[in-house]
Amino acid sequence: YELKKNRNEIAQSLGISHATVSRILGLAGERGVALLALGDAELKALMYPNPAGPKPSTTKAPIDFAHVVSELGRKSMTRALLYQ
């Protein structure tokens, strides 16, 4: 862009859509950022800012197998009931 190429020429040379080029140029212009000064990480942060707050945890609590075995020893306890 700073070499006076139009958005279609930039898009074709990078293998991306002209809409993406327009979005990047628009965001850079809003923030007053020189694109040549940006590295990959800064450009990614410009395009995809982090959402507010941390991501929810997707880890599950570890299974307490000793408790599972003791519960399965109870009368009428099944694995399906224990799973529920």
N, C-alpha and C. Protein backbone atom coordinates (compact mmCIF):
# COMPACT_ATOMS: atom_id res chain seq x y z
N TYR A 1 0.84 -1.18 0.00
CA TYR A 1 0.00 0.00 0.00
C TYR A 1 0.88 1.25 0.00
N GLU A 2 1.93 1.18 0.80
CA GLU A 2 2.84 2.33 0.85
C GLU A 2 3.68 2.44 -0.41
N LEU A 3 3.66 1.39 -1.24
CA LEU A 3 4.34 1.43 -2.53
C LEU A 3 3.38 1.85 -3.65
N LYS A 4 2.22 2.39 -3.24
CA LYS A 4 1.20 2.91 -4.16
C LYS A 4 0.54 1.83 -5.01
N LYS A 5 0.44 0.62 -4.46
CA LYS A 5 -0.32 -0.45 -5.13
C LYS A 5 -1.77 -0.34 -4.68
N ASN A 6 -2.70 -0.69 -5.59
CA ASN A 6 -4.09 -0.65 -5.18
C ASN A 6 -4.46 -1.93 -4.42
N ARG A 7 -5.63 -1.94 -3.84
CA ARG A 7 -6.04 -3.05 -2.97
C ARG A 7 -6.13 -4.37 -3.72
N ASN A 8 -6.56 -4.33 -4.95
CA ASN A 8 -6.65 -5.57 -5.73
C ASN A 8 -5.26 -6.14 -6.02
N GLU A 9 -4.31 -5.27 -6.32
CA GLU A 9 -2.94 -5.73 -6.58
C GLU A 9 -2.31 -6.31 -5.31
N ILE A 10 -2.56 -5.67 -4.18
CA ILE A 10 -2.05 -6.19 -2.91
C ILE A 10 -2.67 -7.56 -2.61
N ALA A 11 -3.97 -7.65 -2.78
CA ALA A 11 -4.67 -8.90 -2.51
C ALA A 11 -4.15 -10.02 -3.40
N GLN A 12 -3.97 -9.75 -4.66
CA GLN A 12 -3.49 -10.76 -5.59
C GLN A 12 -2.07 -11.20 -5.24
N SER A 13 -1.22 -10.26 -4.88
CA SER A 13 0.16 -10.61 -4.57
C SER A 13 0.28 -11.41 -3.28
N LEU A 14 -0.66 -11.19 -2.35
CA LEU A 14 -0.62 -11.91 -1.07
C LEU A 14 -1.49 -13.16 -1.05
N GLY A 15 -2.34 -13.30 -2.07
CA GLY A 15 -3.22 -14.47 -2.12
C GLY A 15 -4.36 -14.38 -1.13
N ILE A 16 -4.83 -13.16 -0.87
CA ILE A 16 -5.96 -12.95 0.04
C ILE A 16 -7.01 -12.11 -0.69
N SER A 17 -8.18 -11.97 -0.07
CA SER A 17 -9.23 -11.20 -0.73
C SER A 17 -8.99 -9.71 -0.57
N HIS A 18 -9.55 -8.94 -1.50
CA HIS A 18 -9.41 -7.48 -1.41
C HIS A 18 -10.17 -6.94 -0.21
N ALA A 19 -11.20 -7.67 0.24
CA ALA A 19 -11.94 -7.26 1.44
C ALA A 19 -11.04 -7.35 2.68
N THR A 20 -10.21 -8.37 2.74
CA THR A 20 -9.28 -8.51 3.85
C THR A 20 -8.26 -7.38 3.82
N VAL A 21 -7.77 -7.06 2.65
CA VAL A 21 -6.82 -5.94 2.51
C VAL A 21 -7.50 -4.65 2.97
N SER A 22 -8.73 -4.43 2.57
CA SER A 22 -9.46 -3.23 2.98
C SER A 22 -9.64 -3.18 4.50
N ARG A 23 -9.95 -4.33 5.09
CA ARG A 23 -10.13 -4.40 6.54
C ARG A 23 -8.83 -4.05 7.26
N ILE A 24 -7.73 -4.64 6.82
CA ILE A 24 -6.43 -4.37 7.45
C ILE A 24 -6.07 -2.90 7.32
N LEU A 25 -6.22 -2.35 6.13
CA LEU A 25 -5.88 -0.95 5.91
C LEU A 25 -6.78 -0.02 6.74
N GLY A 26 -8.05 -0.38 6.84
CA GLY A 26 -8.98 0.42 7.64
C GLY A 26 -8.62 0.41 9.11
N LEU A 27 -8.33 -0.77 9.65
CA LEU A 27 -7.94 -0.88 11.06
C LEU A 27 -6.64 -0.14 11.33
N ALA A 28 -5.69 -0.28 10.43
CA ALA A 28 -4.41 0.41 10.61
C ALA A 28 -4.62 1.91 10.57
N GLY A 29 -5.47 2.37 9.66
CA GLY A 29 -5.74 3.80 9.57
C GLY A 29 -6.44 4.34 10.82
N GLU A 30 -7.40 3.57 11.36
CA GLU A 30 -8.10 3.98 12.58
C GLU A 30 -7.15 4.13 13.75
N ARG A 31 -6.18 3.25 13.80
CA ARG A 31 -5.25 3.24 14.94
C ARG A 31 -3.97 4.03 14.67
N GLY A 32 -3.84 4.57 13.46
CA GLY A 32 -2.67 5.36 13.12
C GLY A 32 -1.39 4.55 13.12
N VAL A 33 -1.47 3.31 12.59
CA VAL A 33 -0.33 2.40 12.60
C VAL A 33 0.26 2.31 11.20
N ALA A 34 1.59 2.36 11.11
CA ALA A 34 2.28 2.15 9.83
C ALA A 34 2.43 0.64 9.62
N LEU A 35 1.89 0.13 8.54
CA LEU A 35 1.88 -1.32 8.32
C LEU A 35 3.27 -1.92 8.18
N LEU A 36 4.19 -1.18 7.59
CA LEU A 36 5.54 -1.72 7.42
C LEU A 36 6.25 -1.87 8.76
N ALA A 37 5.80 -1.16 9.77
CA ALA A 37 6.41 -1.25 11.10
C ALA A 37 5.90 -2.45 11.88
N LEU A 38 4.84 -3.10 11.39
CA LEU A 38 4.24 -4.22 12.12
C LEU A 38 4.90 -5.54 11.78
N GLY A 39 5.11 -6.36 12.79
CA GLY A 39 5.53 -7.73 12.59
C GLY A 39 4.29 -8.60 12.50
N ASP A 40 4.48 -9.90 12.34
CA ASP A 40 3.34 -10.81 12.23
C ASP A 40 2.47 -10.79 13.48
N ALA A 41 3.10 -10.78 14.65
CA ALA A 41 2.34 -10.82 15.91
C ALA A 41 1.51 -9.54 16.07
N GLU A 42 2.10 -8.40 15.75
CA GLU A 42 1.37 -7.14 15.88
C GLU A 42 0.22 -7.05 14.88
N LEU A 43 0.44 -7.55 13.68
CA LEU A 43 -0.61 -7.55 12.68
C LEU A 43 -1.76 -8.46 13.11
N LYS A 44 -1.42 -9.61 13.66
CA LYS A 44 -2.45 -10.54 14.15
C LYS A 44 -3.24 -9.90 15.29
N ALA A 45 -2.55 -9.21 16.20
CA ALA A 45 -3.24 -8.54 17.30
C ALA A 45 -4.15 -7.42 16.79
N LEU A 46 -3.74 -6.75 15.73
CA LEU A 46 -4.55 -5.70 15.12
C LEU A 46 -5.81 -6.29 14.50
N MET A 47 -5.66 -7.41 13.80
CA MET A 47 -6.79 -8.04 13.11
C MET A 47 -7.72 -8.79 14.05
N TYR A 48 -7.16 -9.46 15.04
CA TYR A 48 -7.94 -10.32 15.92
C TYR A 48 -7.64 -9.99 17.38
N PRO A 49 -8.15 -8.88 17.89
CA PRO A 49 -7.87 -8.53 19.28
C PRO A 49 -8.50 -9.57 20.22
N ASN A 50 -7.88 -9.74 21.37
CA ASN A 50 -8.39 -10.70 22.35
C ASN A 50 -9.75 -10.27 22.86
N PRO A 51 -10.68 -11.22 23.00
CA PRO A 51 -11.98 -10.86 23.56
C PRO A 51 -11.82 -10.50 25.04
N ALA A 52 -12.77 -9.75 25.56
CA ALA A 52 -12.69 -9.34 26.96
C ALA A 52 -12.78 -10.55 27.88
N GLY A 53 -11.89 -10.62 28.82
CA GLY A 53 -11.90 -11.69 29.81
C GLY A 53 -11.21 -12.94 29.31
N PRO A 54 -10.87 -13.79 30.26
CA PRO A 54 -10.20 -15.05 29.89
C PRO A 54 -11.18 -16.04 29.29
N LYS A 55 -10.65 -16.98 28.53
CA LYS A 55 -11.47 -18.04 27.96
C LYS A 55 -11.89 -19.00 29.06
N PRO A 56 -13.09 -19.55 28.96
CA PRO A 56 -13.50 -20.51 29.98
C PRO A 56 -12.63 -21.75 29.92
N SER A 57 -12.41 -22.33 31.07
CA SER A 57 -11.57 -23.52 31.16
C SER A 57 -12.31 -24.73 30.58
N THR A 58 -11.62 -25.50 29.80
CA THR A 58 -12.22 -26.70 29.22
C THR A 58 -11.67 -27.96 29.86
N THR A 59 -10.86 -27.79 30.90
CA THR A 59 -10.31 -28.97 31.57
C THR A 59 -11.31 -29.52 32.57
N LYS A 60 -11.32 -30.81 32.71
CA LYS A 60 -12.21 -31.48 33.64
C LYS A 60 -11.43 -31.90 34.87
N ALA A 61 -12.14 -32.03 35.95
CA ALA A 61 -11.51 -32.50 37.18
C ALA A 61 -11.06 -33.95 36.99
N PRO A 62 -9.95 -34.35 37.59
CA PRO A 62 -9.50 -35.73 37.46
C PRO A 62 -10.47 -36.69 38.15
N ILE A 63 -10.55 -37.88 37.64
CA ILE A 63 -11.45 -38.90 38.19
C ILE A 63 -10.82 -39.51 39.43
N ASP A 64 -11.61 -39.60 40.48
CA ASP A 64 -11.17 -40.25 41.72
C ASP A 64 -11.57 -41.72 41.62
N PHE A 65 -10.65 -42.56 41.12
CA PHE A 65 -10.97 -43.96 40.88
C PHE A 65 -11.25 -44.72 42.16
N ALA A 66 -10.63 -44.36 43.26
CA ALA A 66 -10.90 -45.03 44.53
C ALA A 66 -12.36 -44.83 44.92
N HIS A 67 -12.87 -43.61 44.72
CA HIS A 67 -14.27 -43.33 45.02
C HIS A 67 -15.19 -44.10 44.07
N VAL A 68 -14.83 -44.16 42.81
CA VAL A 68 -15.63 -44.90 41.82
C VAL A 68 -15.75 -46.37 42.22
N VAL A 69 -14.63 -46.97 42.58
CA VAL A 69 -14.62 -48.39 42.96
C VAL A 69 -15.48 -48.60 44.21
N SER A 70 -15.35 -47.71 45.19
CA SER A 70 -16.15 -47.89 46.41
C SER A 70 -17.64 -47.72 46.13
N GLU A 71 -17.99 -46.78 45.27
CA GLU A 71 -19.40 -46.59 44.92
C GLU A 71 -19.96 -47.77 44.14
N LEU A 72 -19.15 -48.36 43.27
CA LEU A 72 -19.61 -49.52 42.50
C LEU A 72 -19.84 -50.74 43.38
N GLY A 73 -19.26 -50.76 44.55
CA GLY A 73 -19.47 -51.85 45.50
C GLY A 73 -20.81 -51.78 46.19
N ARG A 74 -21.48 -50.64 46.11
CA ARG A 74 -22.79 -50.49 46.75
C ARG A 74 -23.85 -51.26 45.97
N LYS A 75 -24.84 -51.74 46.67
CA LYS A 75 -25.94 -52.49 46.05
C LYS A 75 -26.73 -51.57 45.12
N SER A 76 -27.07 -52.03 43.96
CA SER A 76 -27.86 -51.34 42.94
C SER A 76 -27.13 -50.18 42.27
N MET A 77 -25.84 -50.02 42.52
CA MET A 77 -25.09 -48.95 41.86
C MET A 77 -24.52 -49.49 40.56
N THR A 78 -24.79 -48.80 39.46
CA THR A 78 -24.26 -49.21 38.17
C THR A 78 -23.30 -48.13 37.66
N ARG A 79 -22.53 -48.46 36.67
CA ARG A 79 -21.63 -47.47 36.09
C ARG A 79 -22.42 -46.32 35.46
N ALA A 80 -23.56 -46.66 34.86
CA ALA A 80 -24.39 -45.64 34.23
C ALA A 80 -24.91 -44.64 35.28
N LEU A 81 -25.37 -45.16 36.42
CA LEU A 81 -25.83 -44.27 37.49
C LEU A 81 -24.69 -43.42 38.02
N LEU A 82 -23.55 -44.03 38.19
CA LEU A 82 -22.39 -43.31 38.70
C LEU A 82 -21.95 -42.23 37.70
N TYR A 83 -22.05 -42.53 36.43
CA TYR A 83 -21.67 -41.56 35.41
C TYR A 83 -22.59 -40.34 35.46
N GLN A 84 -23.90 -40.60 35.68
CA GLN A 84 -24.86 -39.48 35.76
C GLN A 84 -24.54 -38.61 36.94
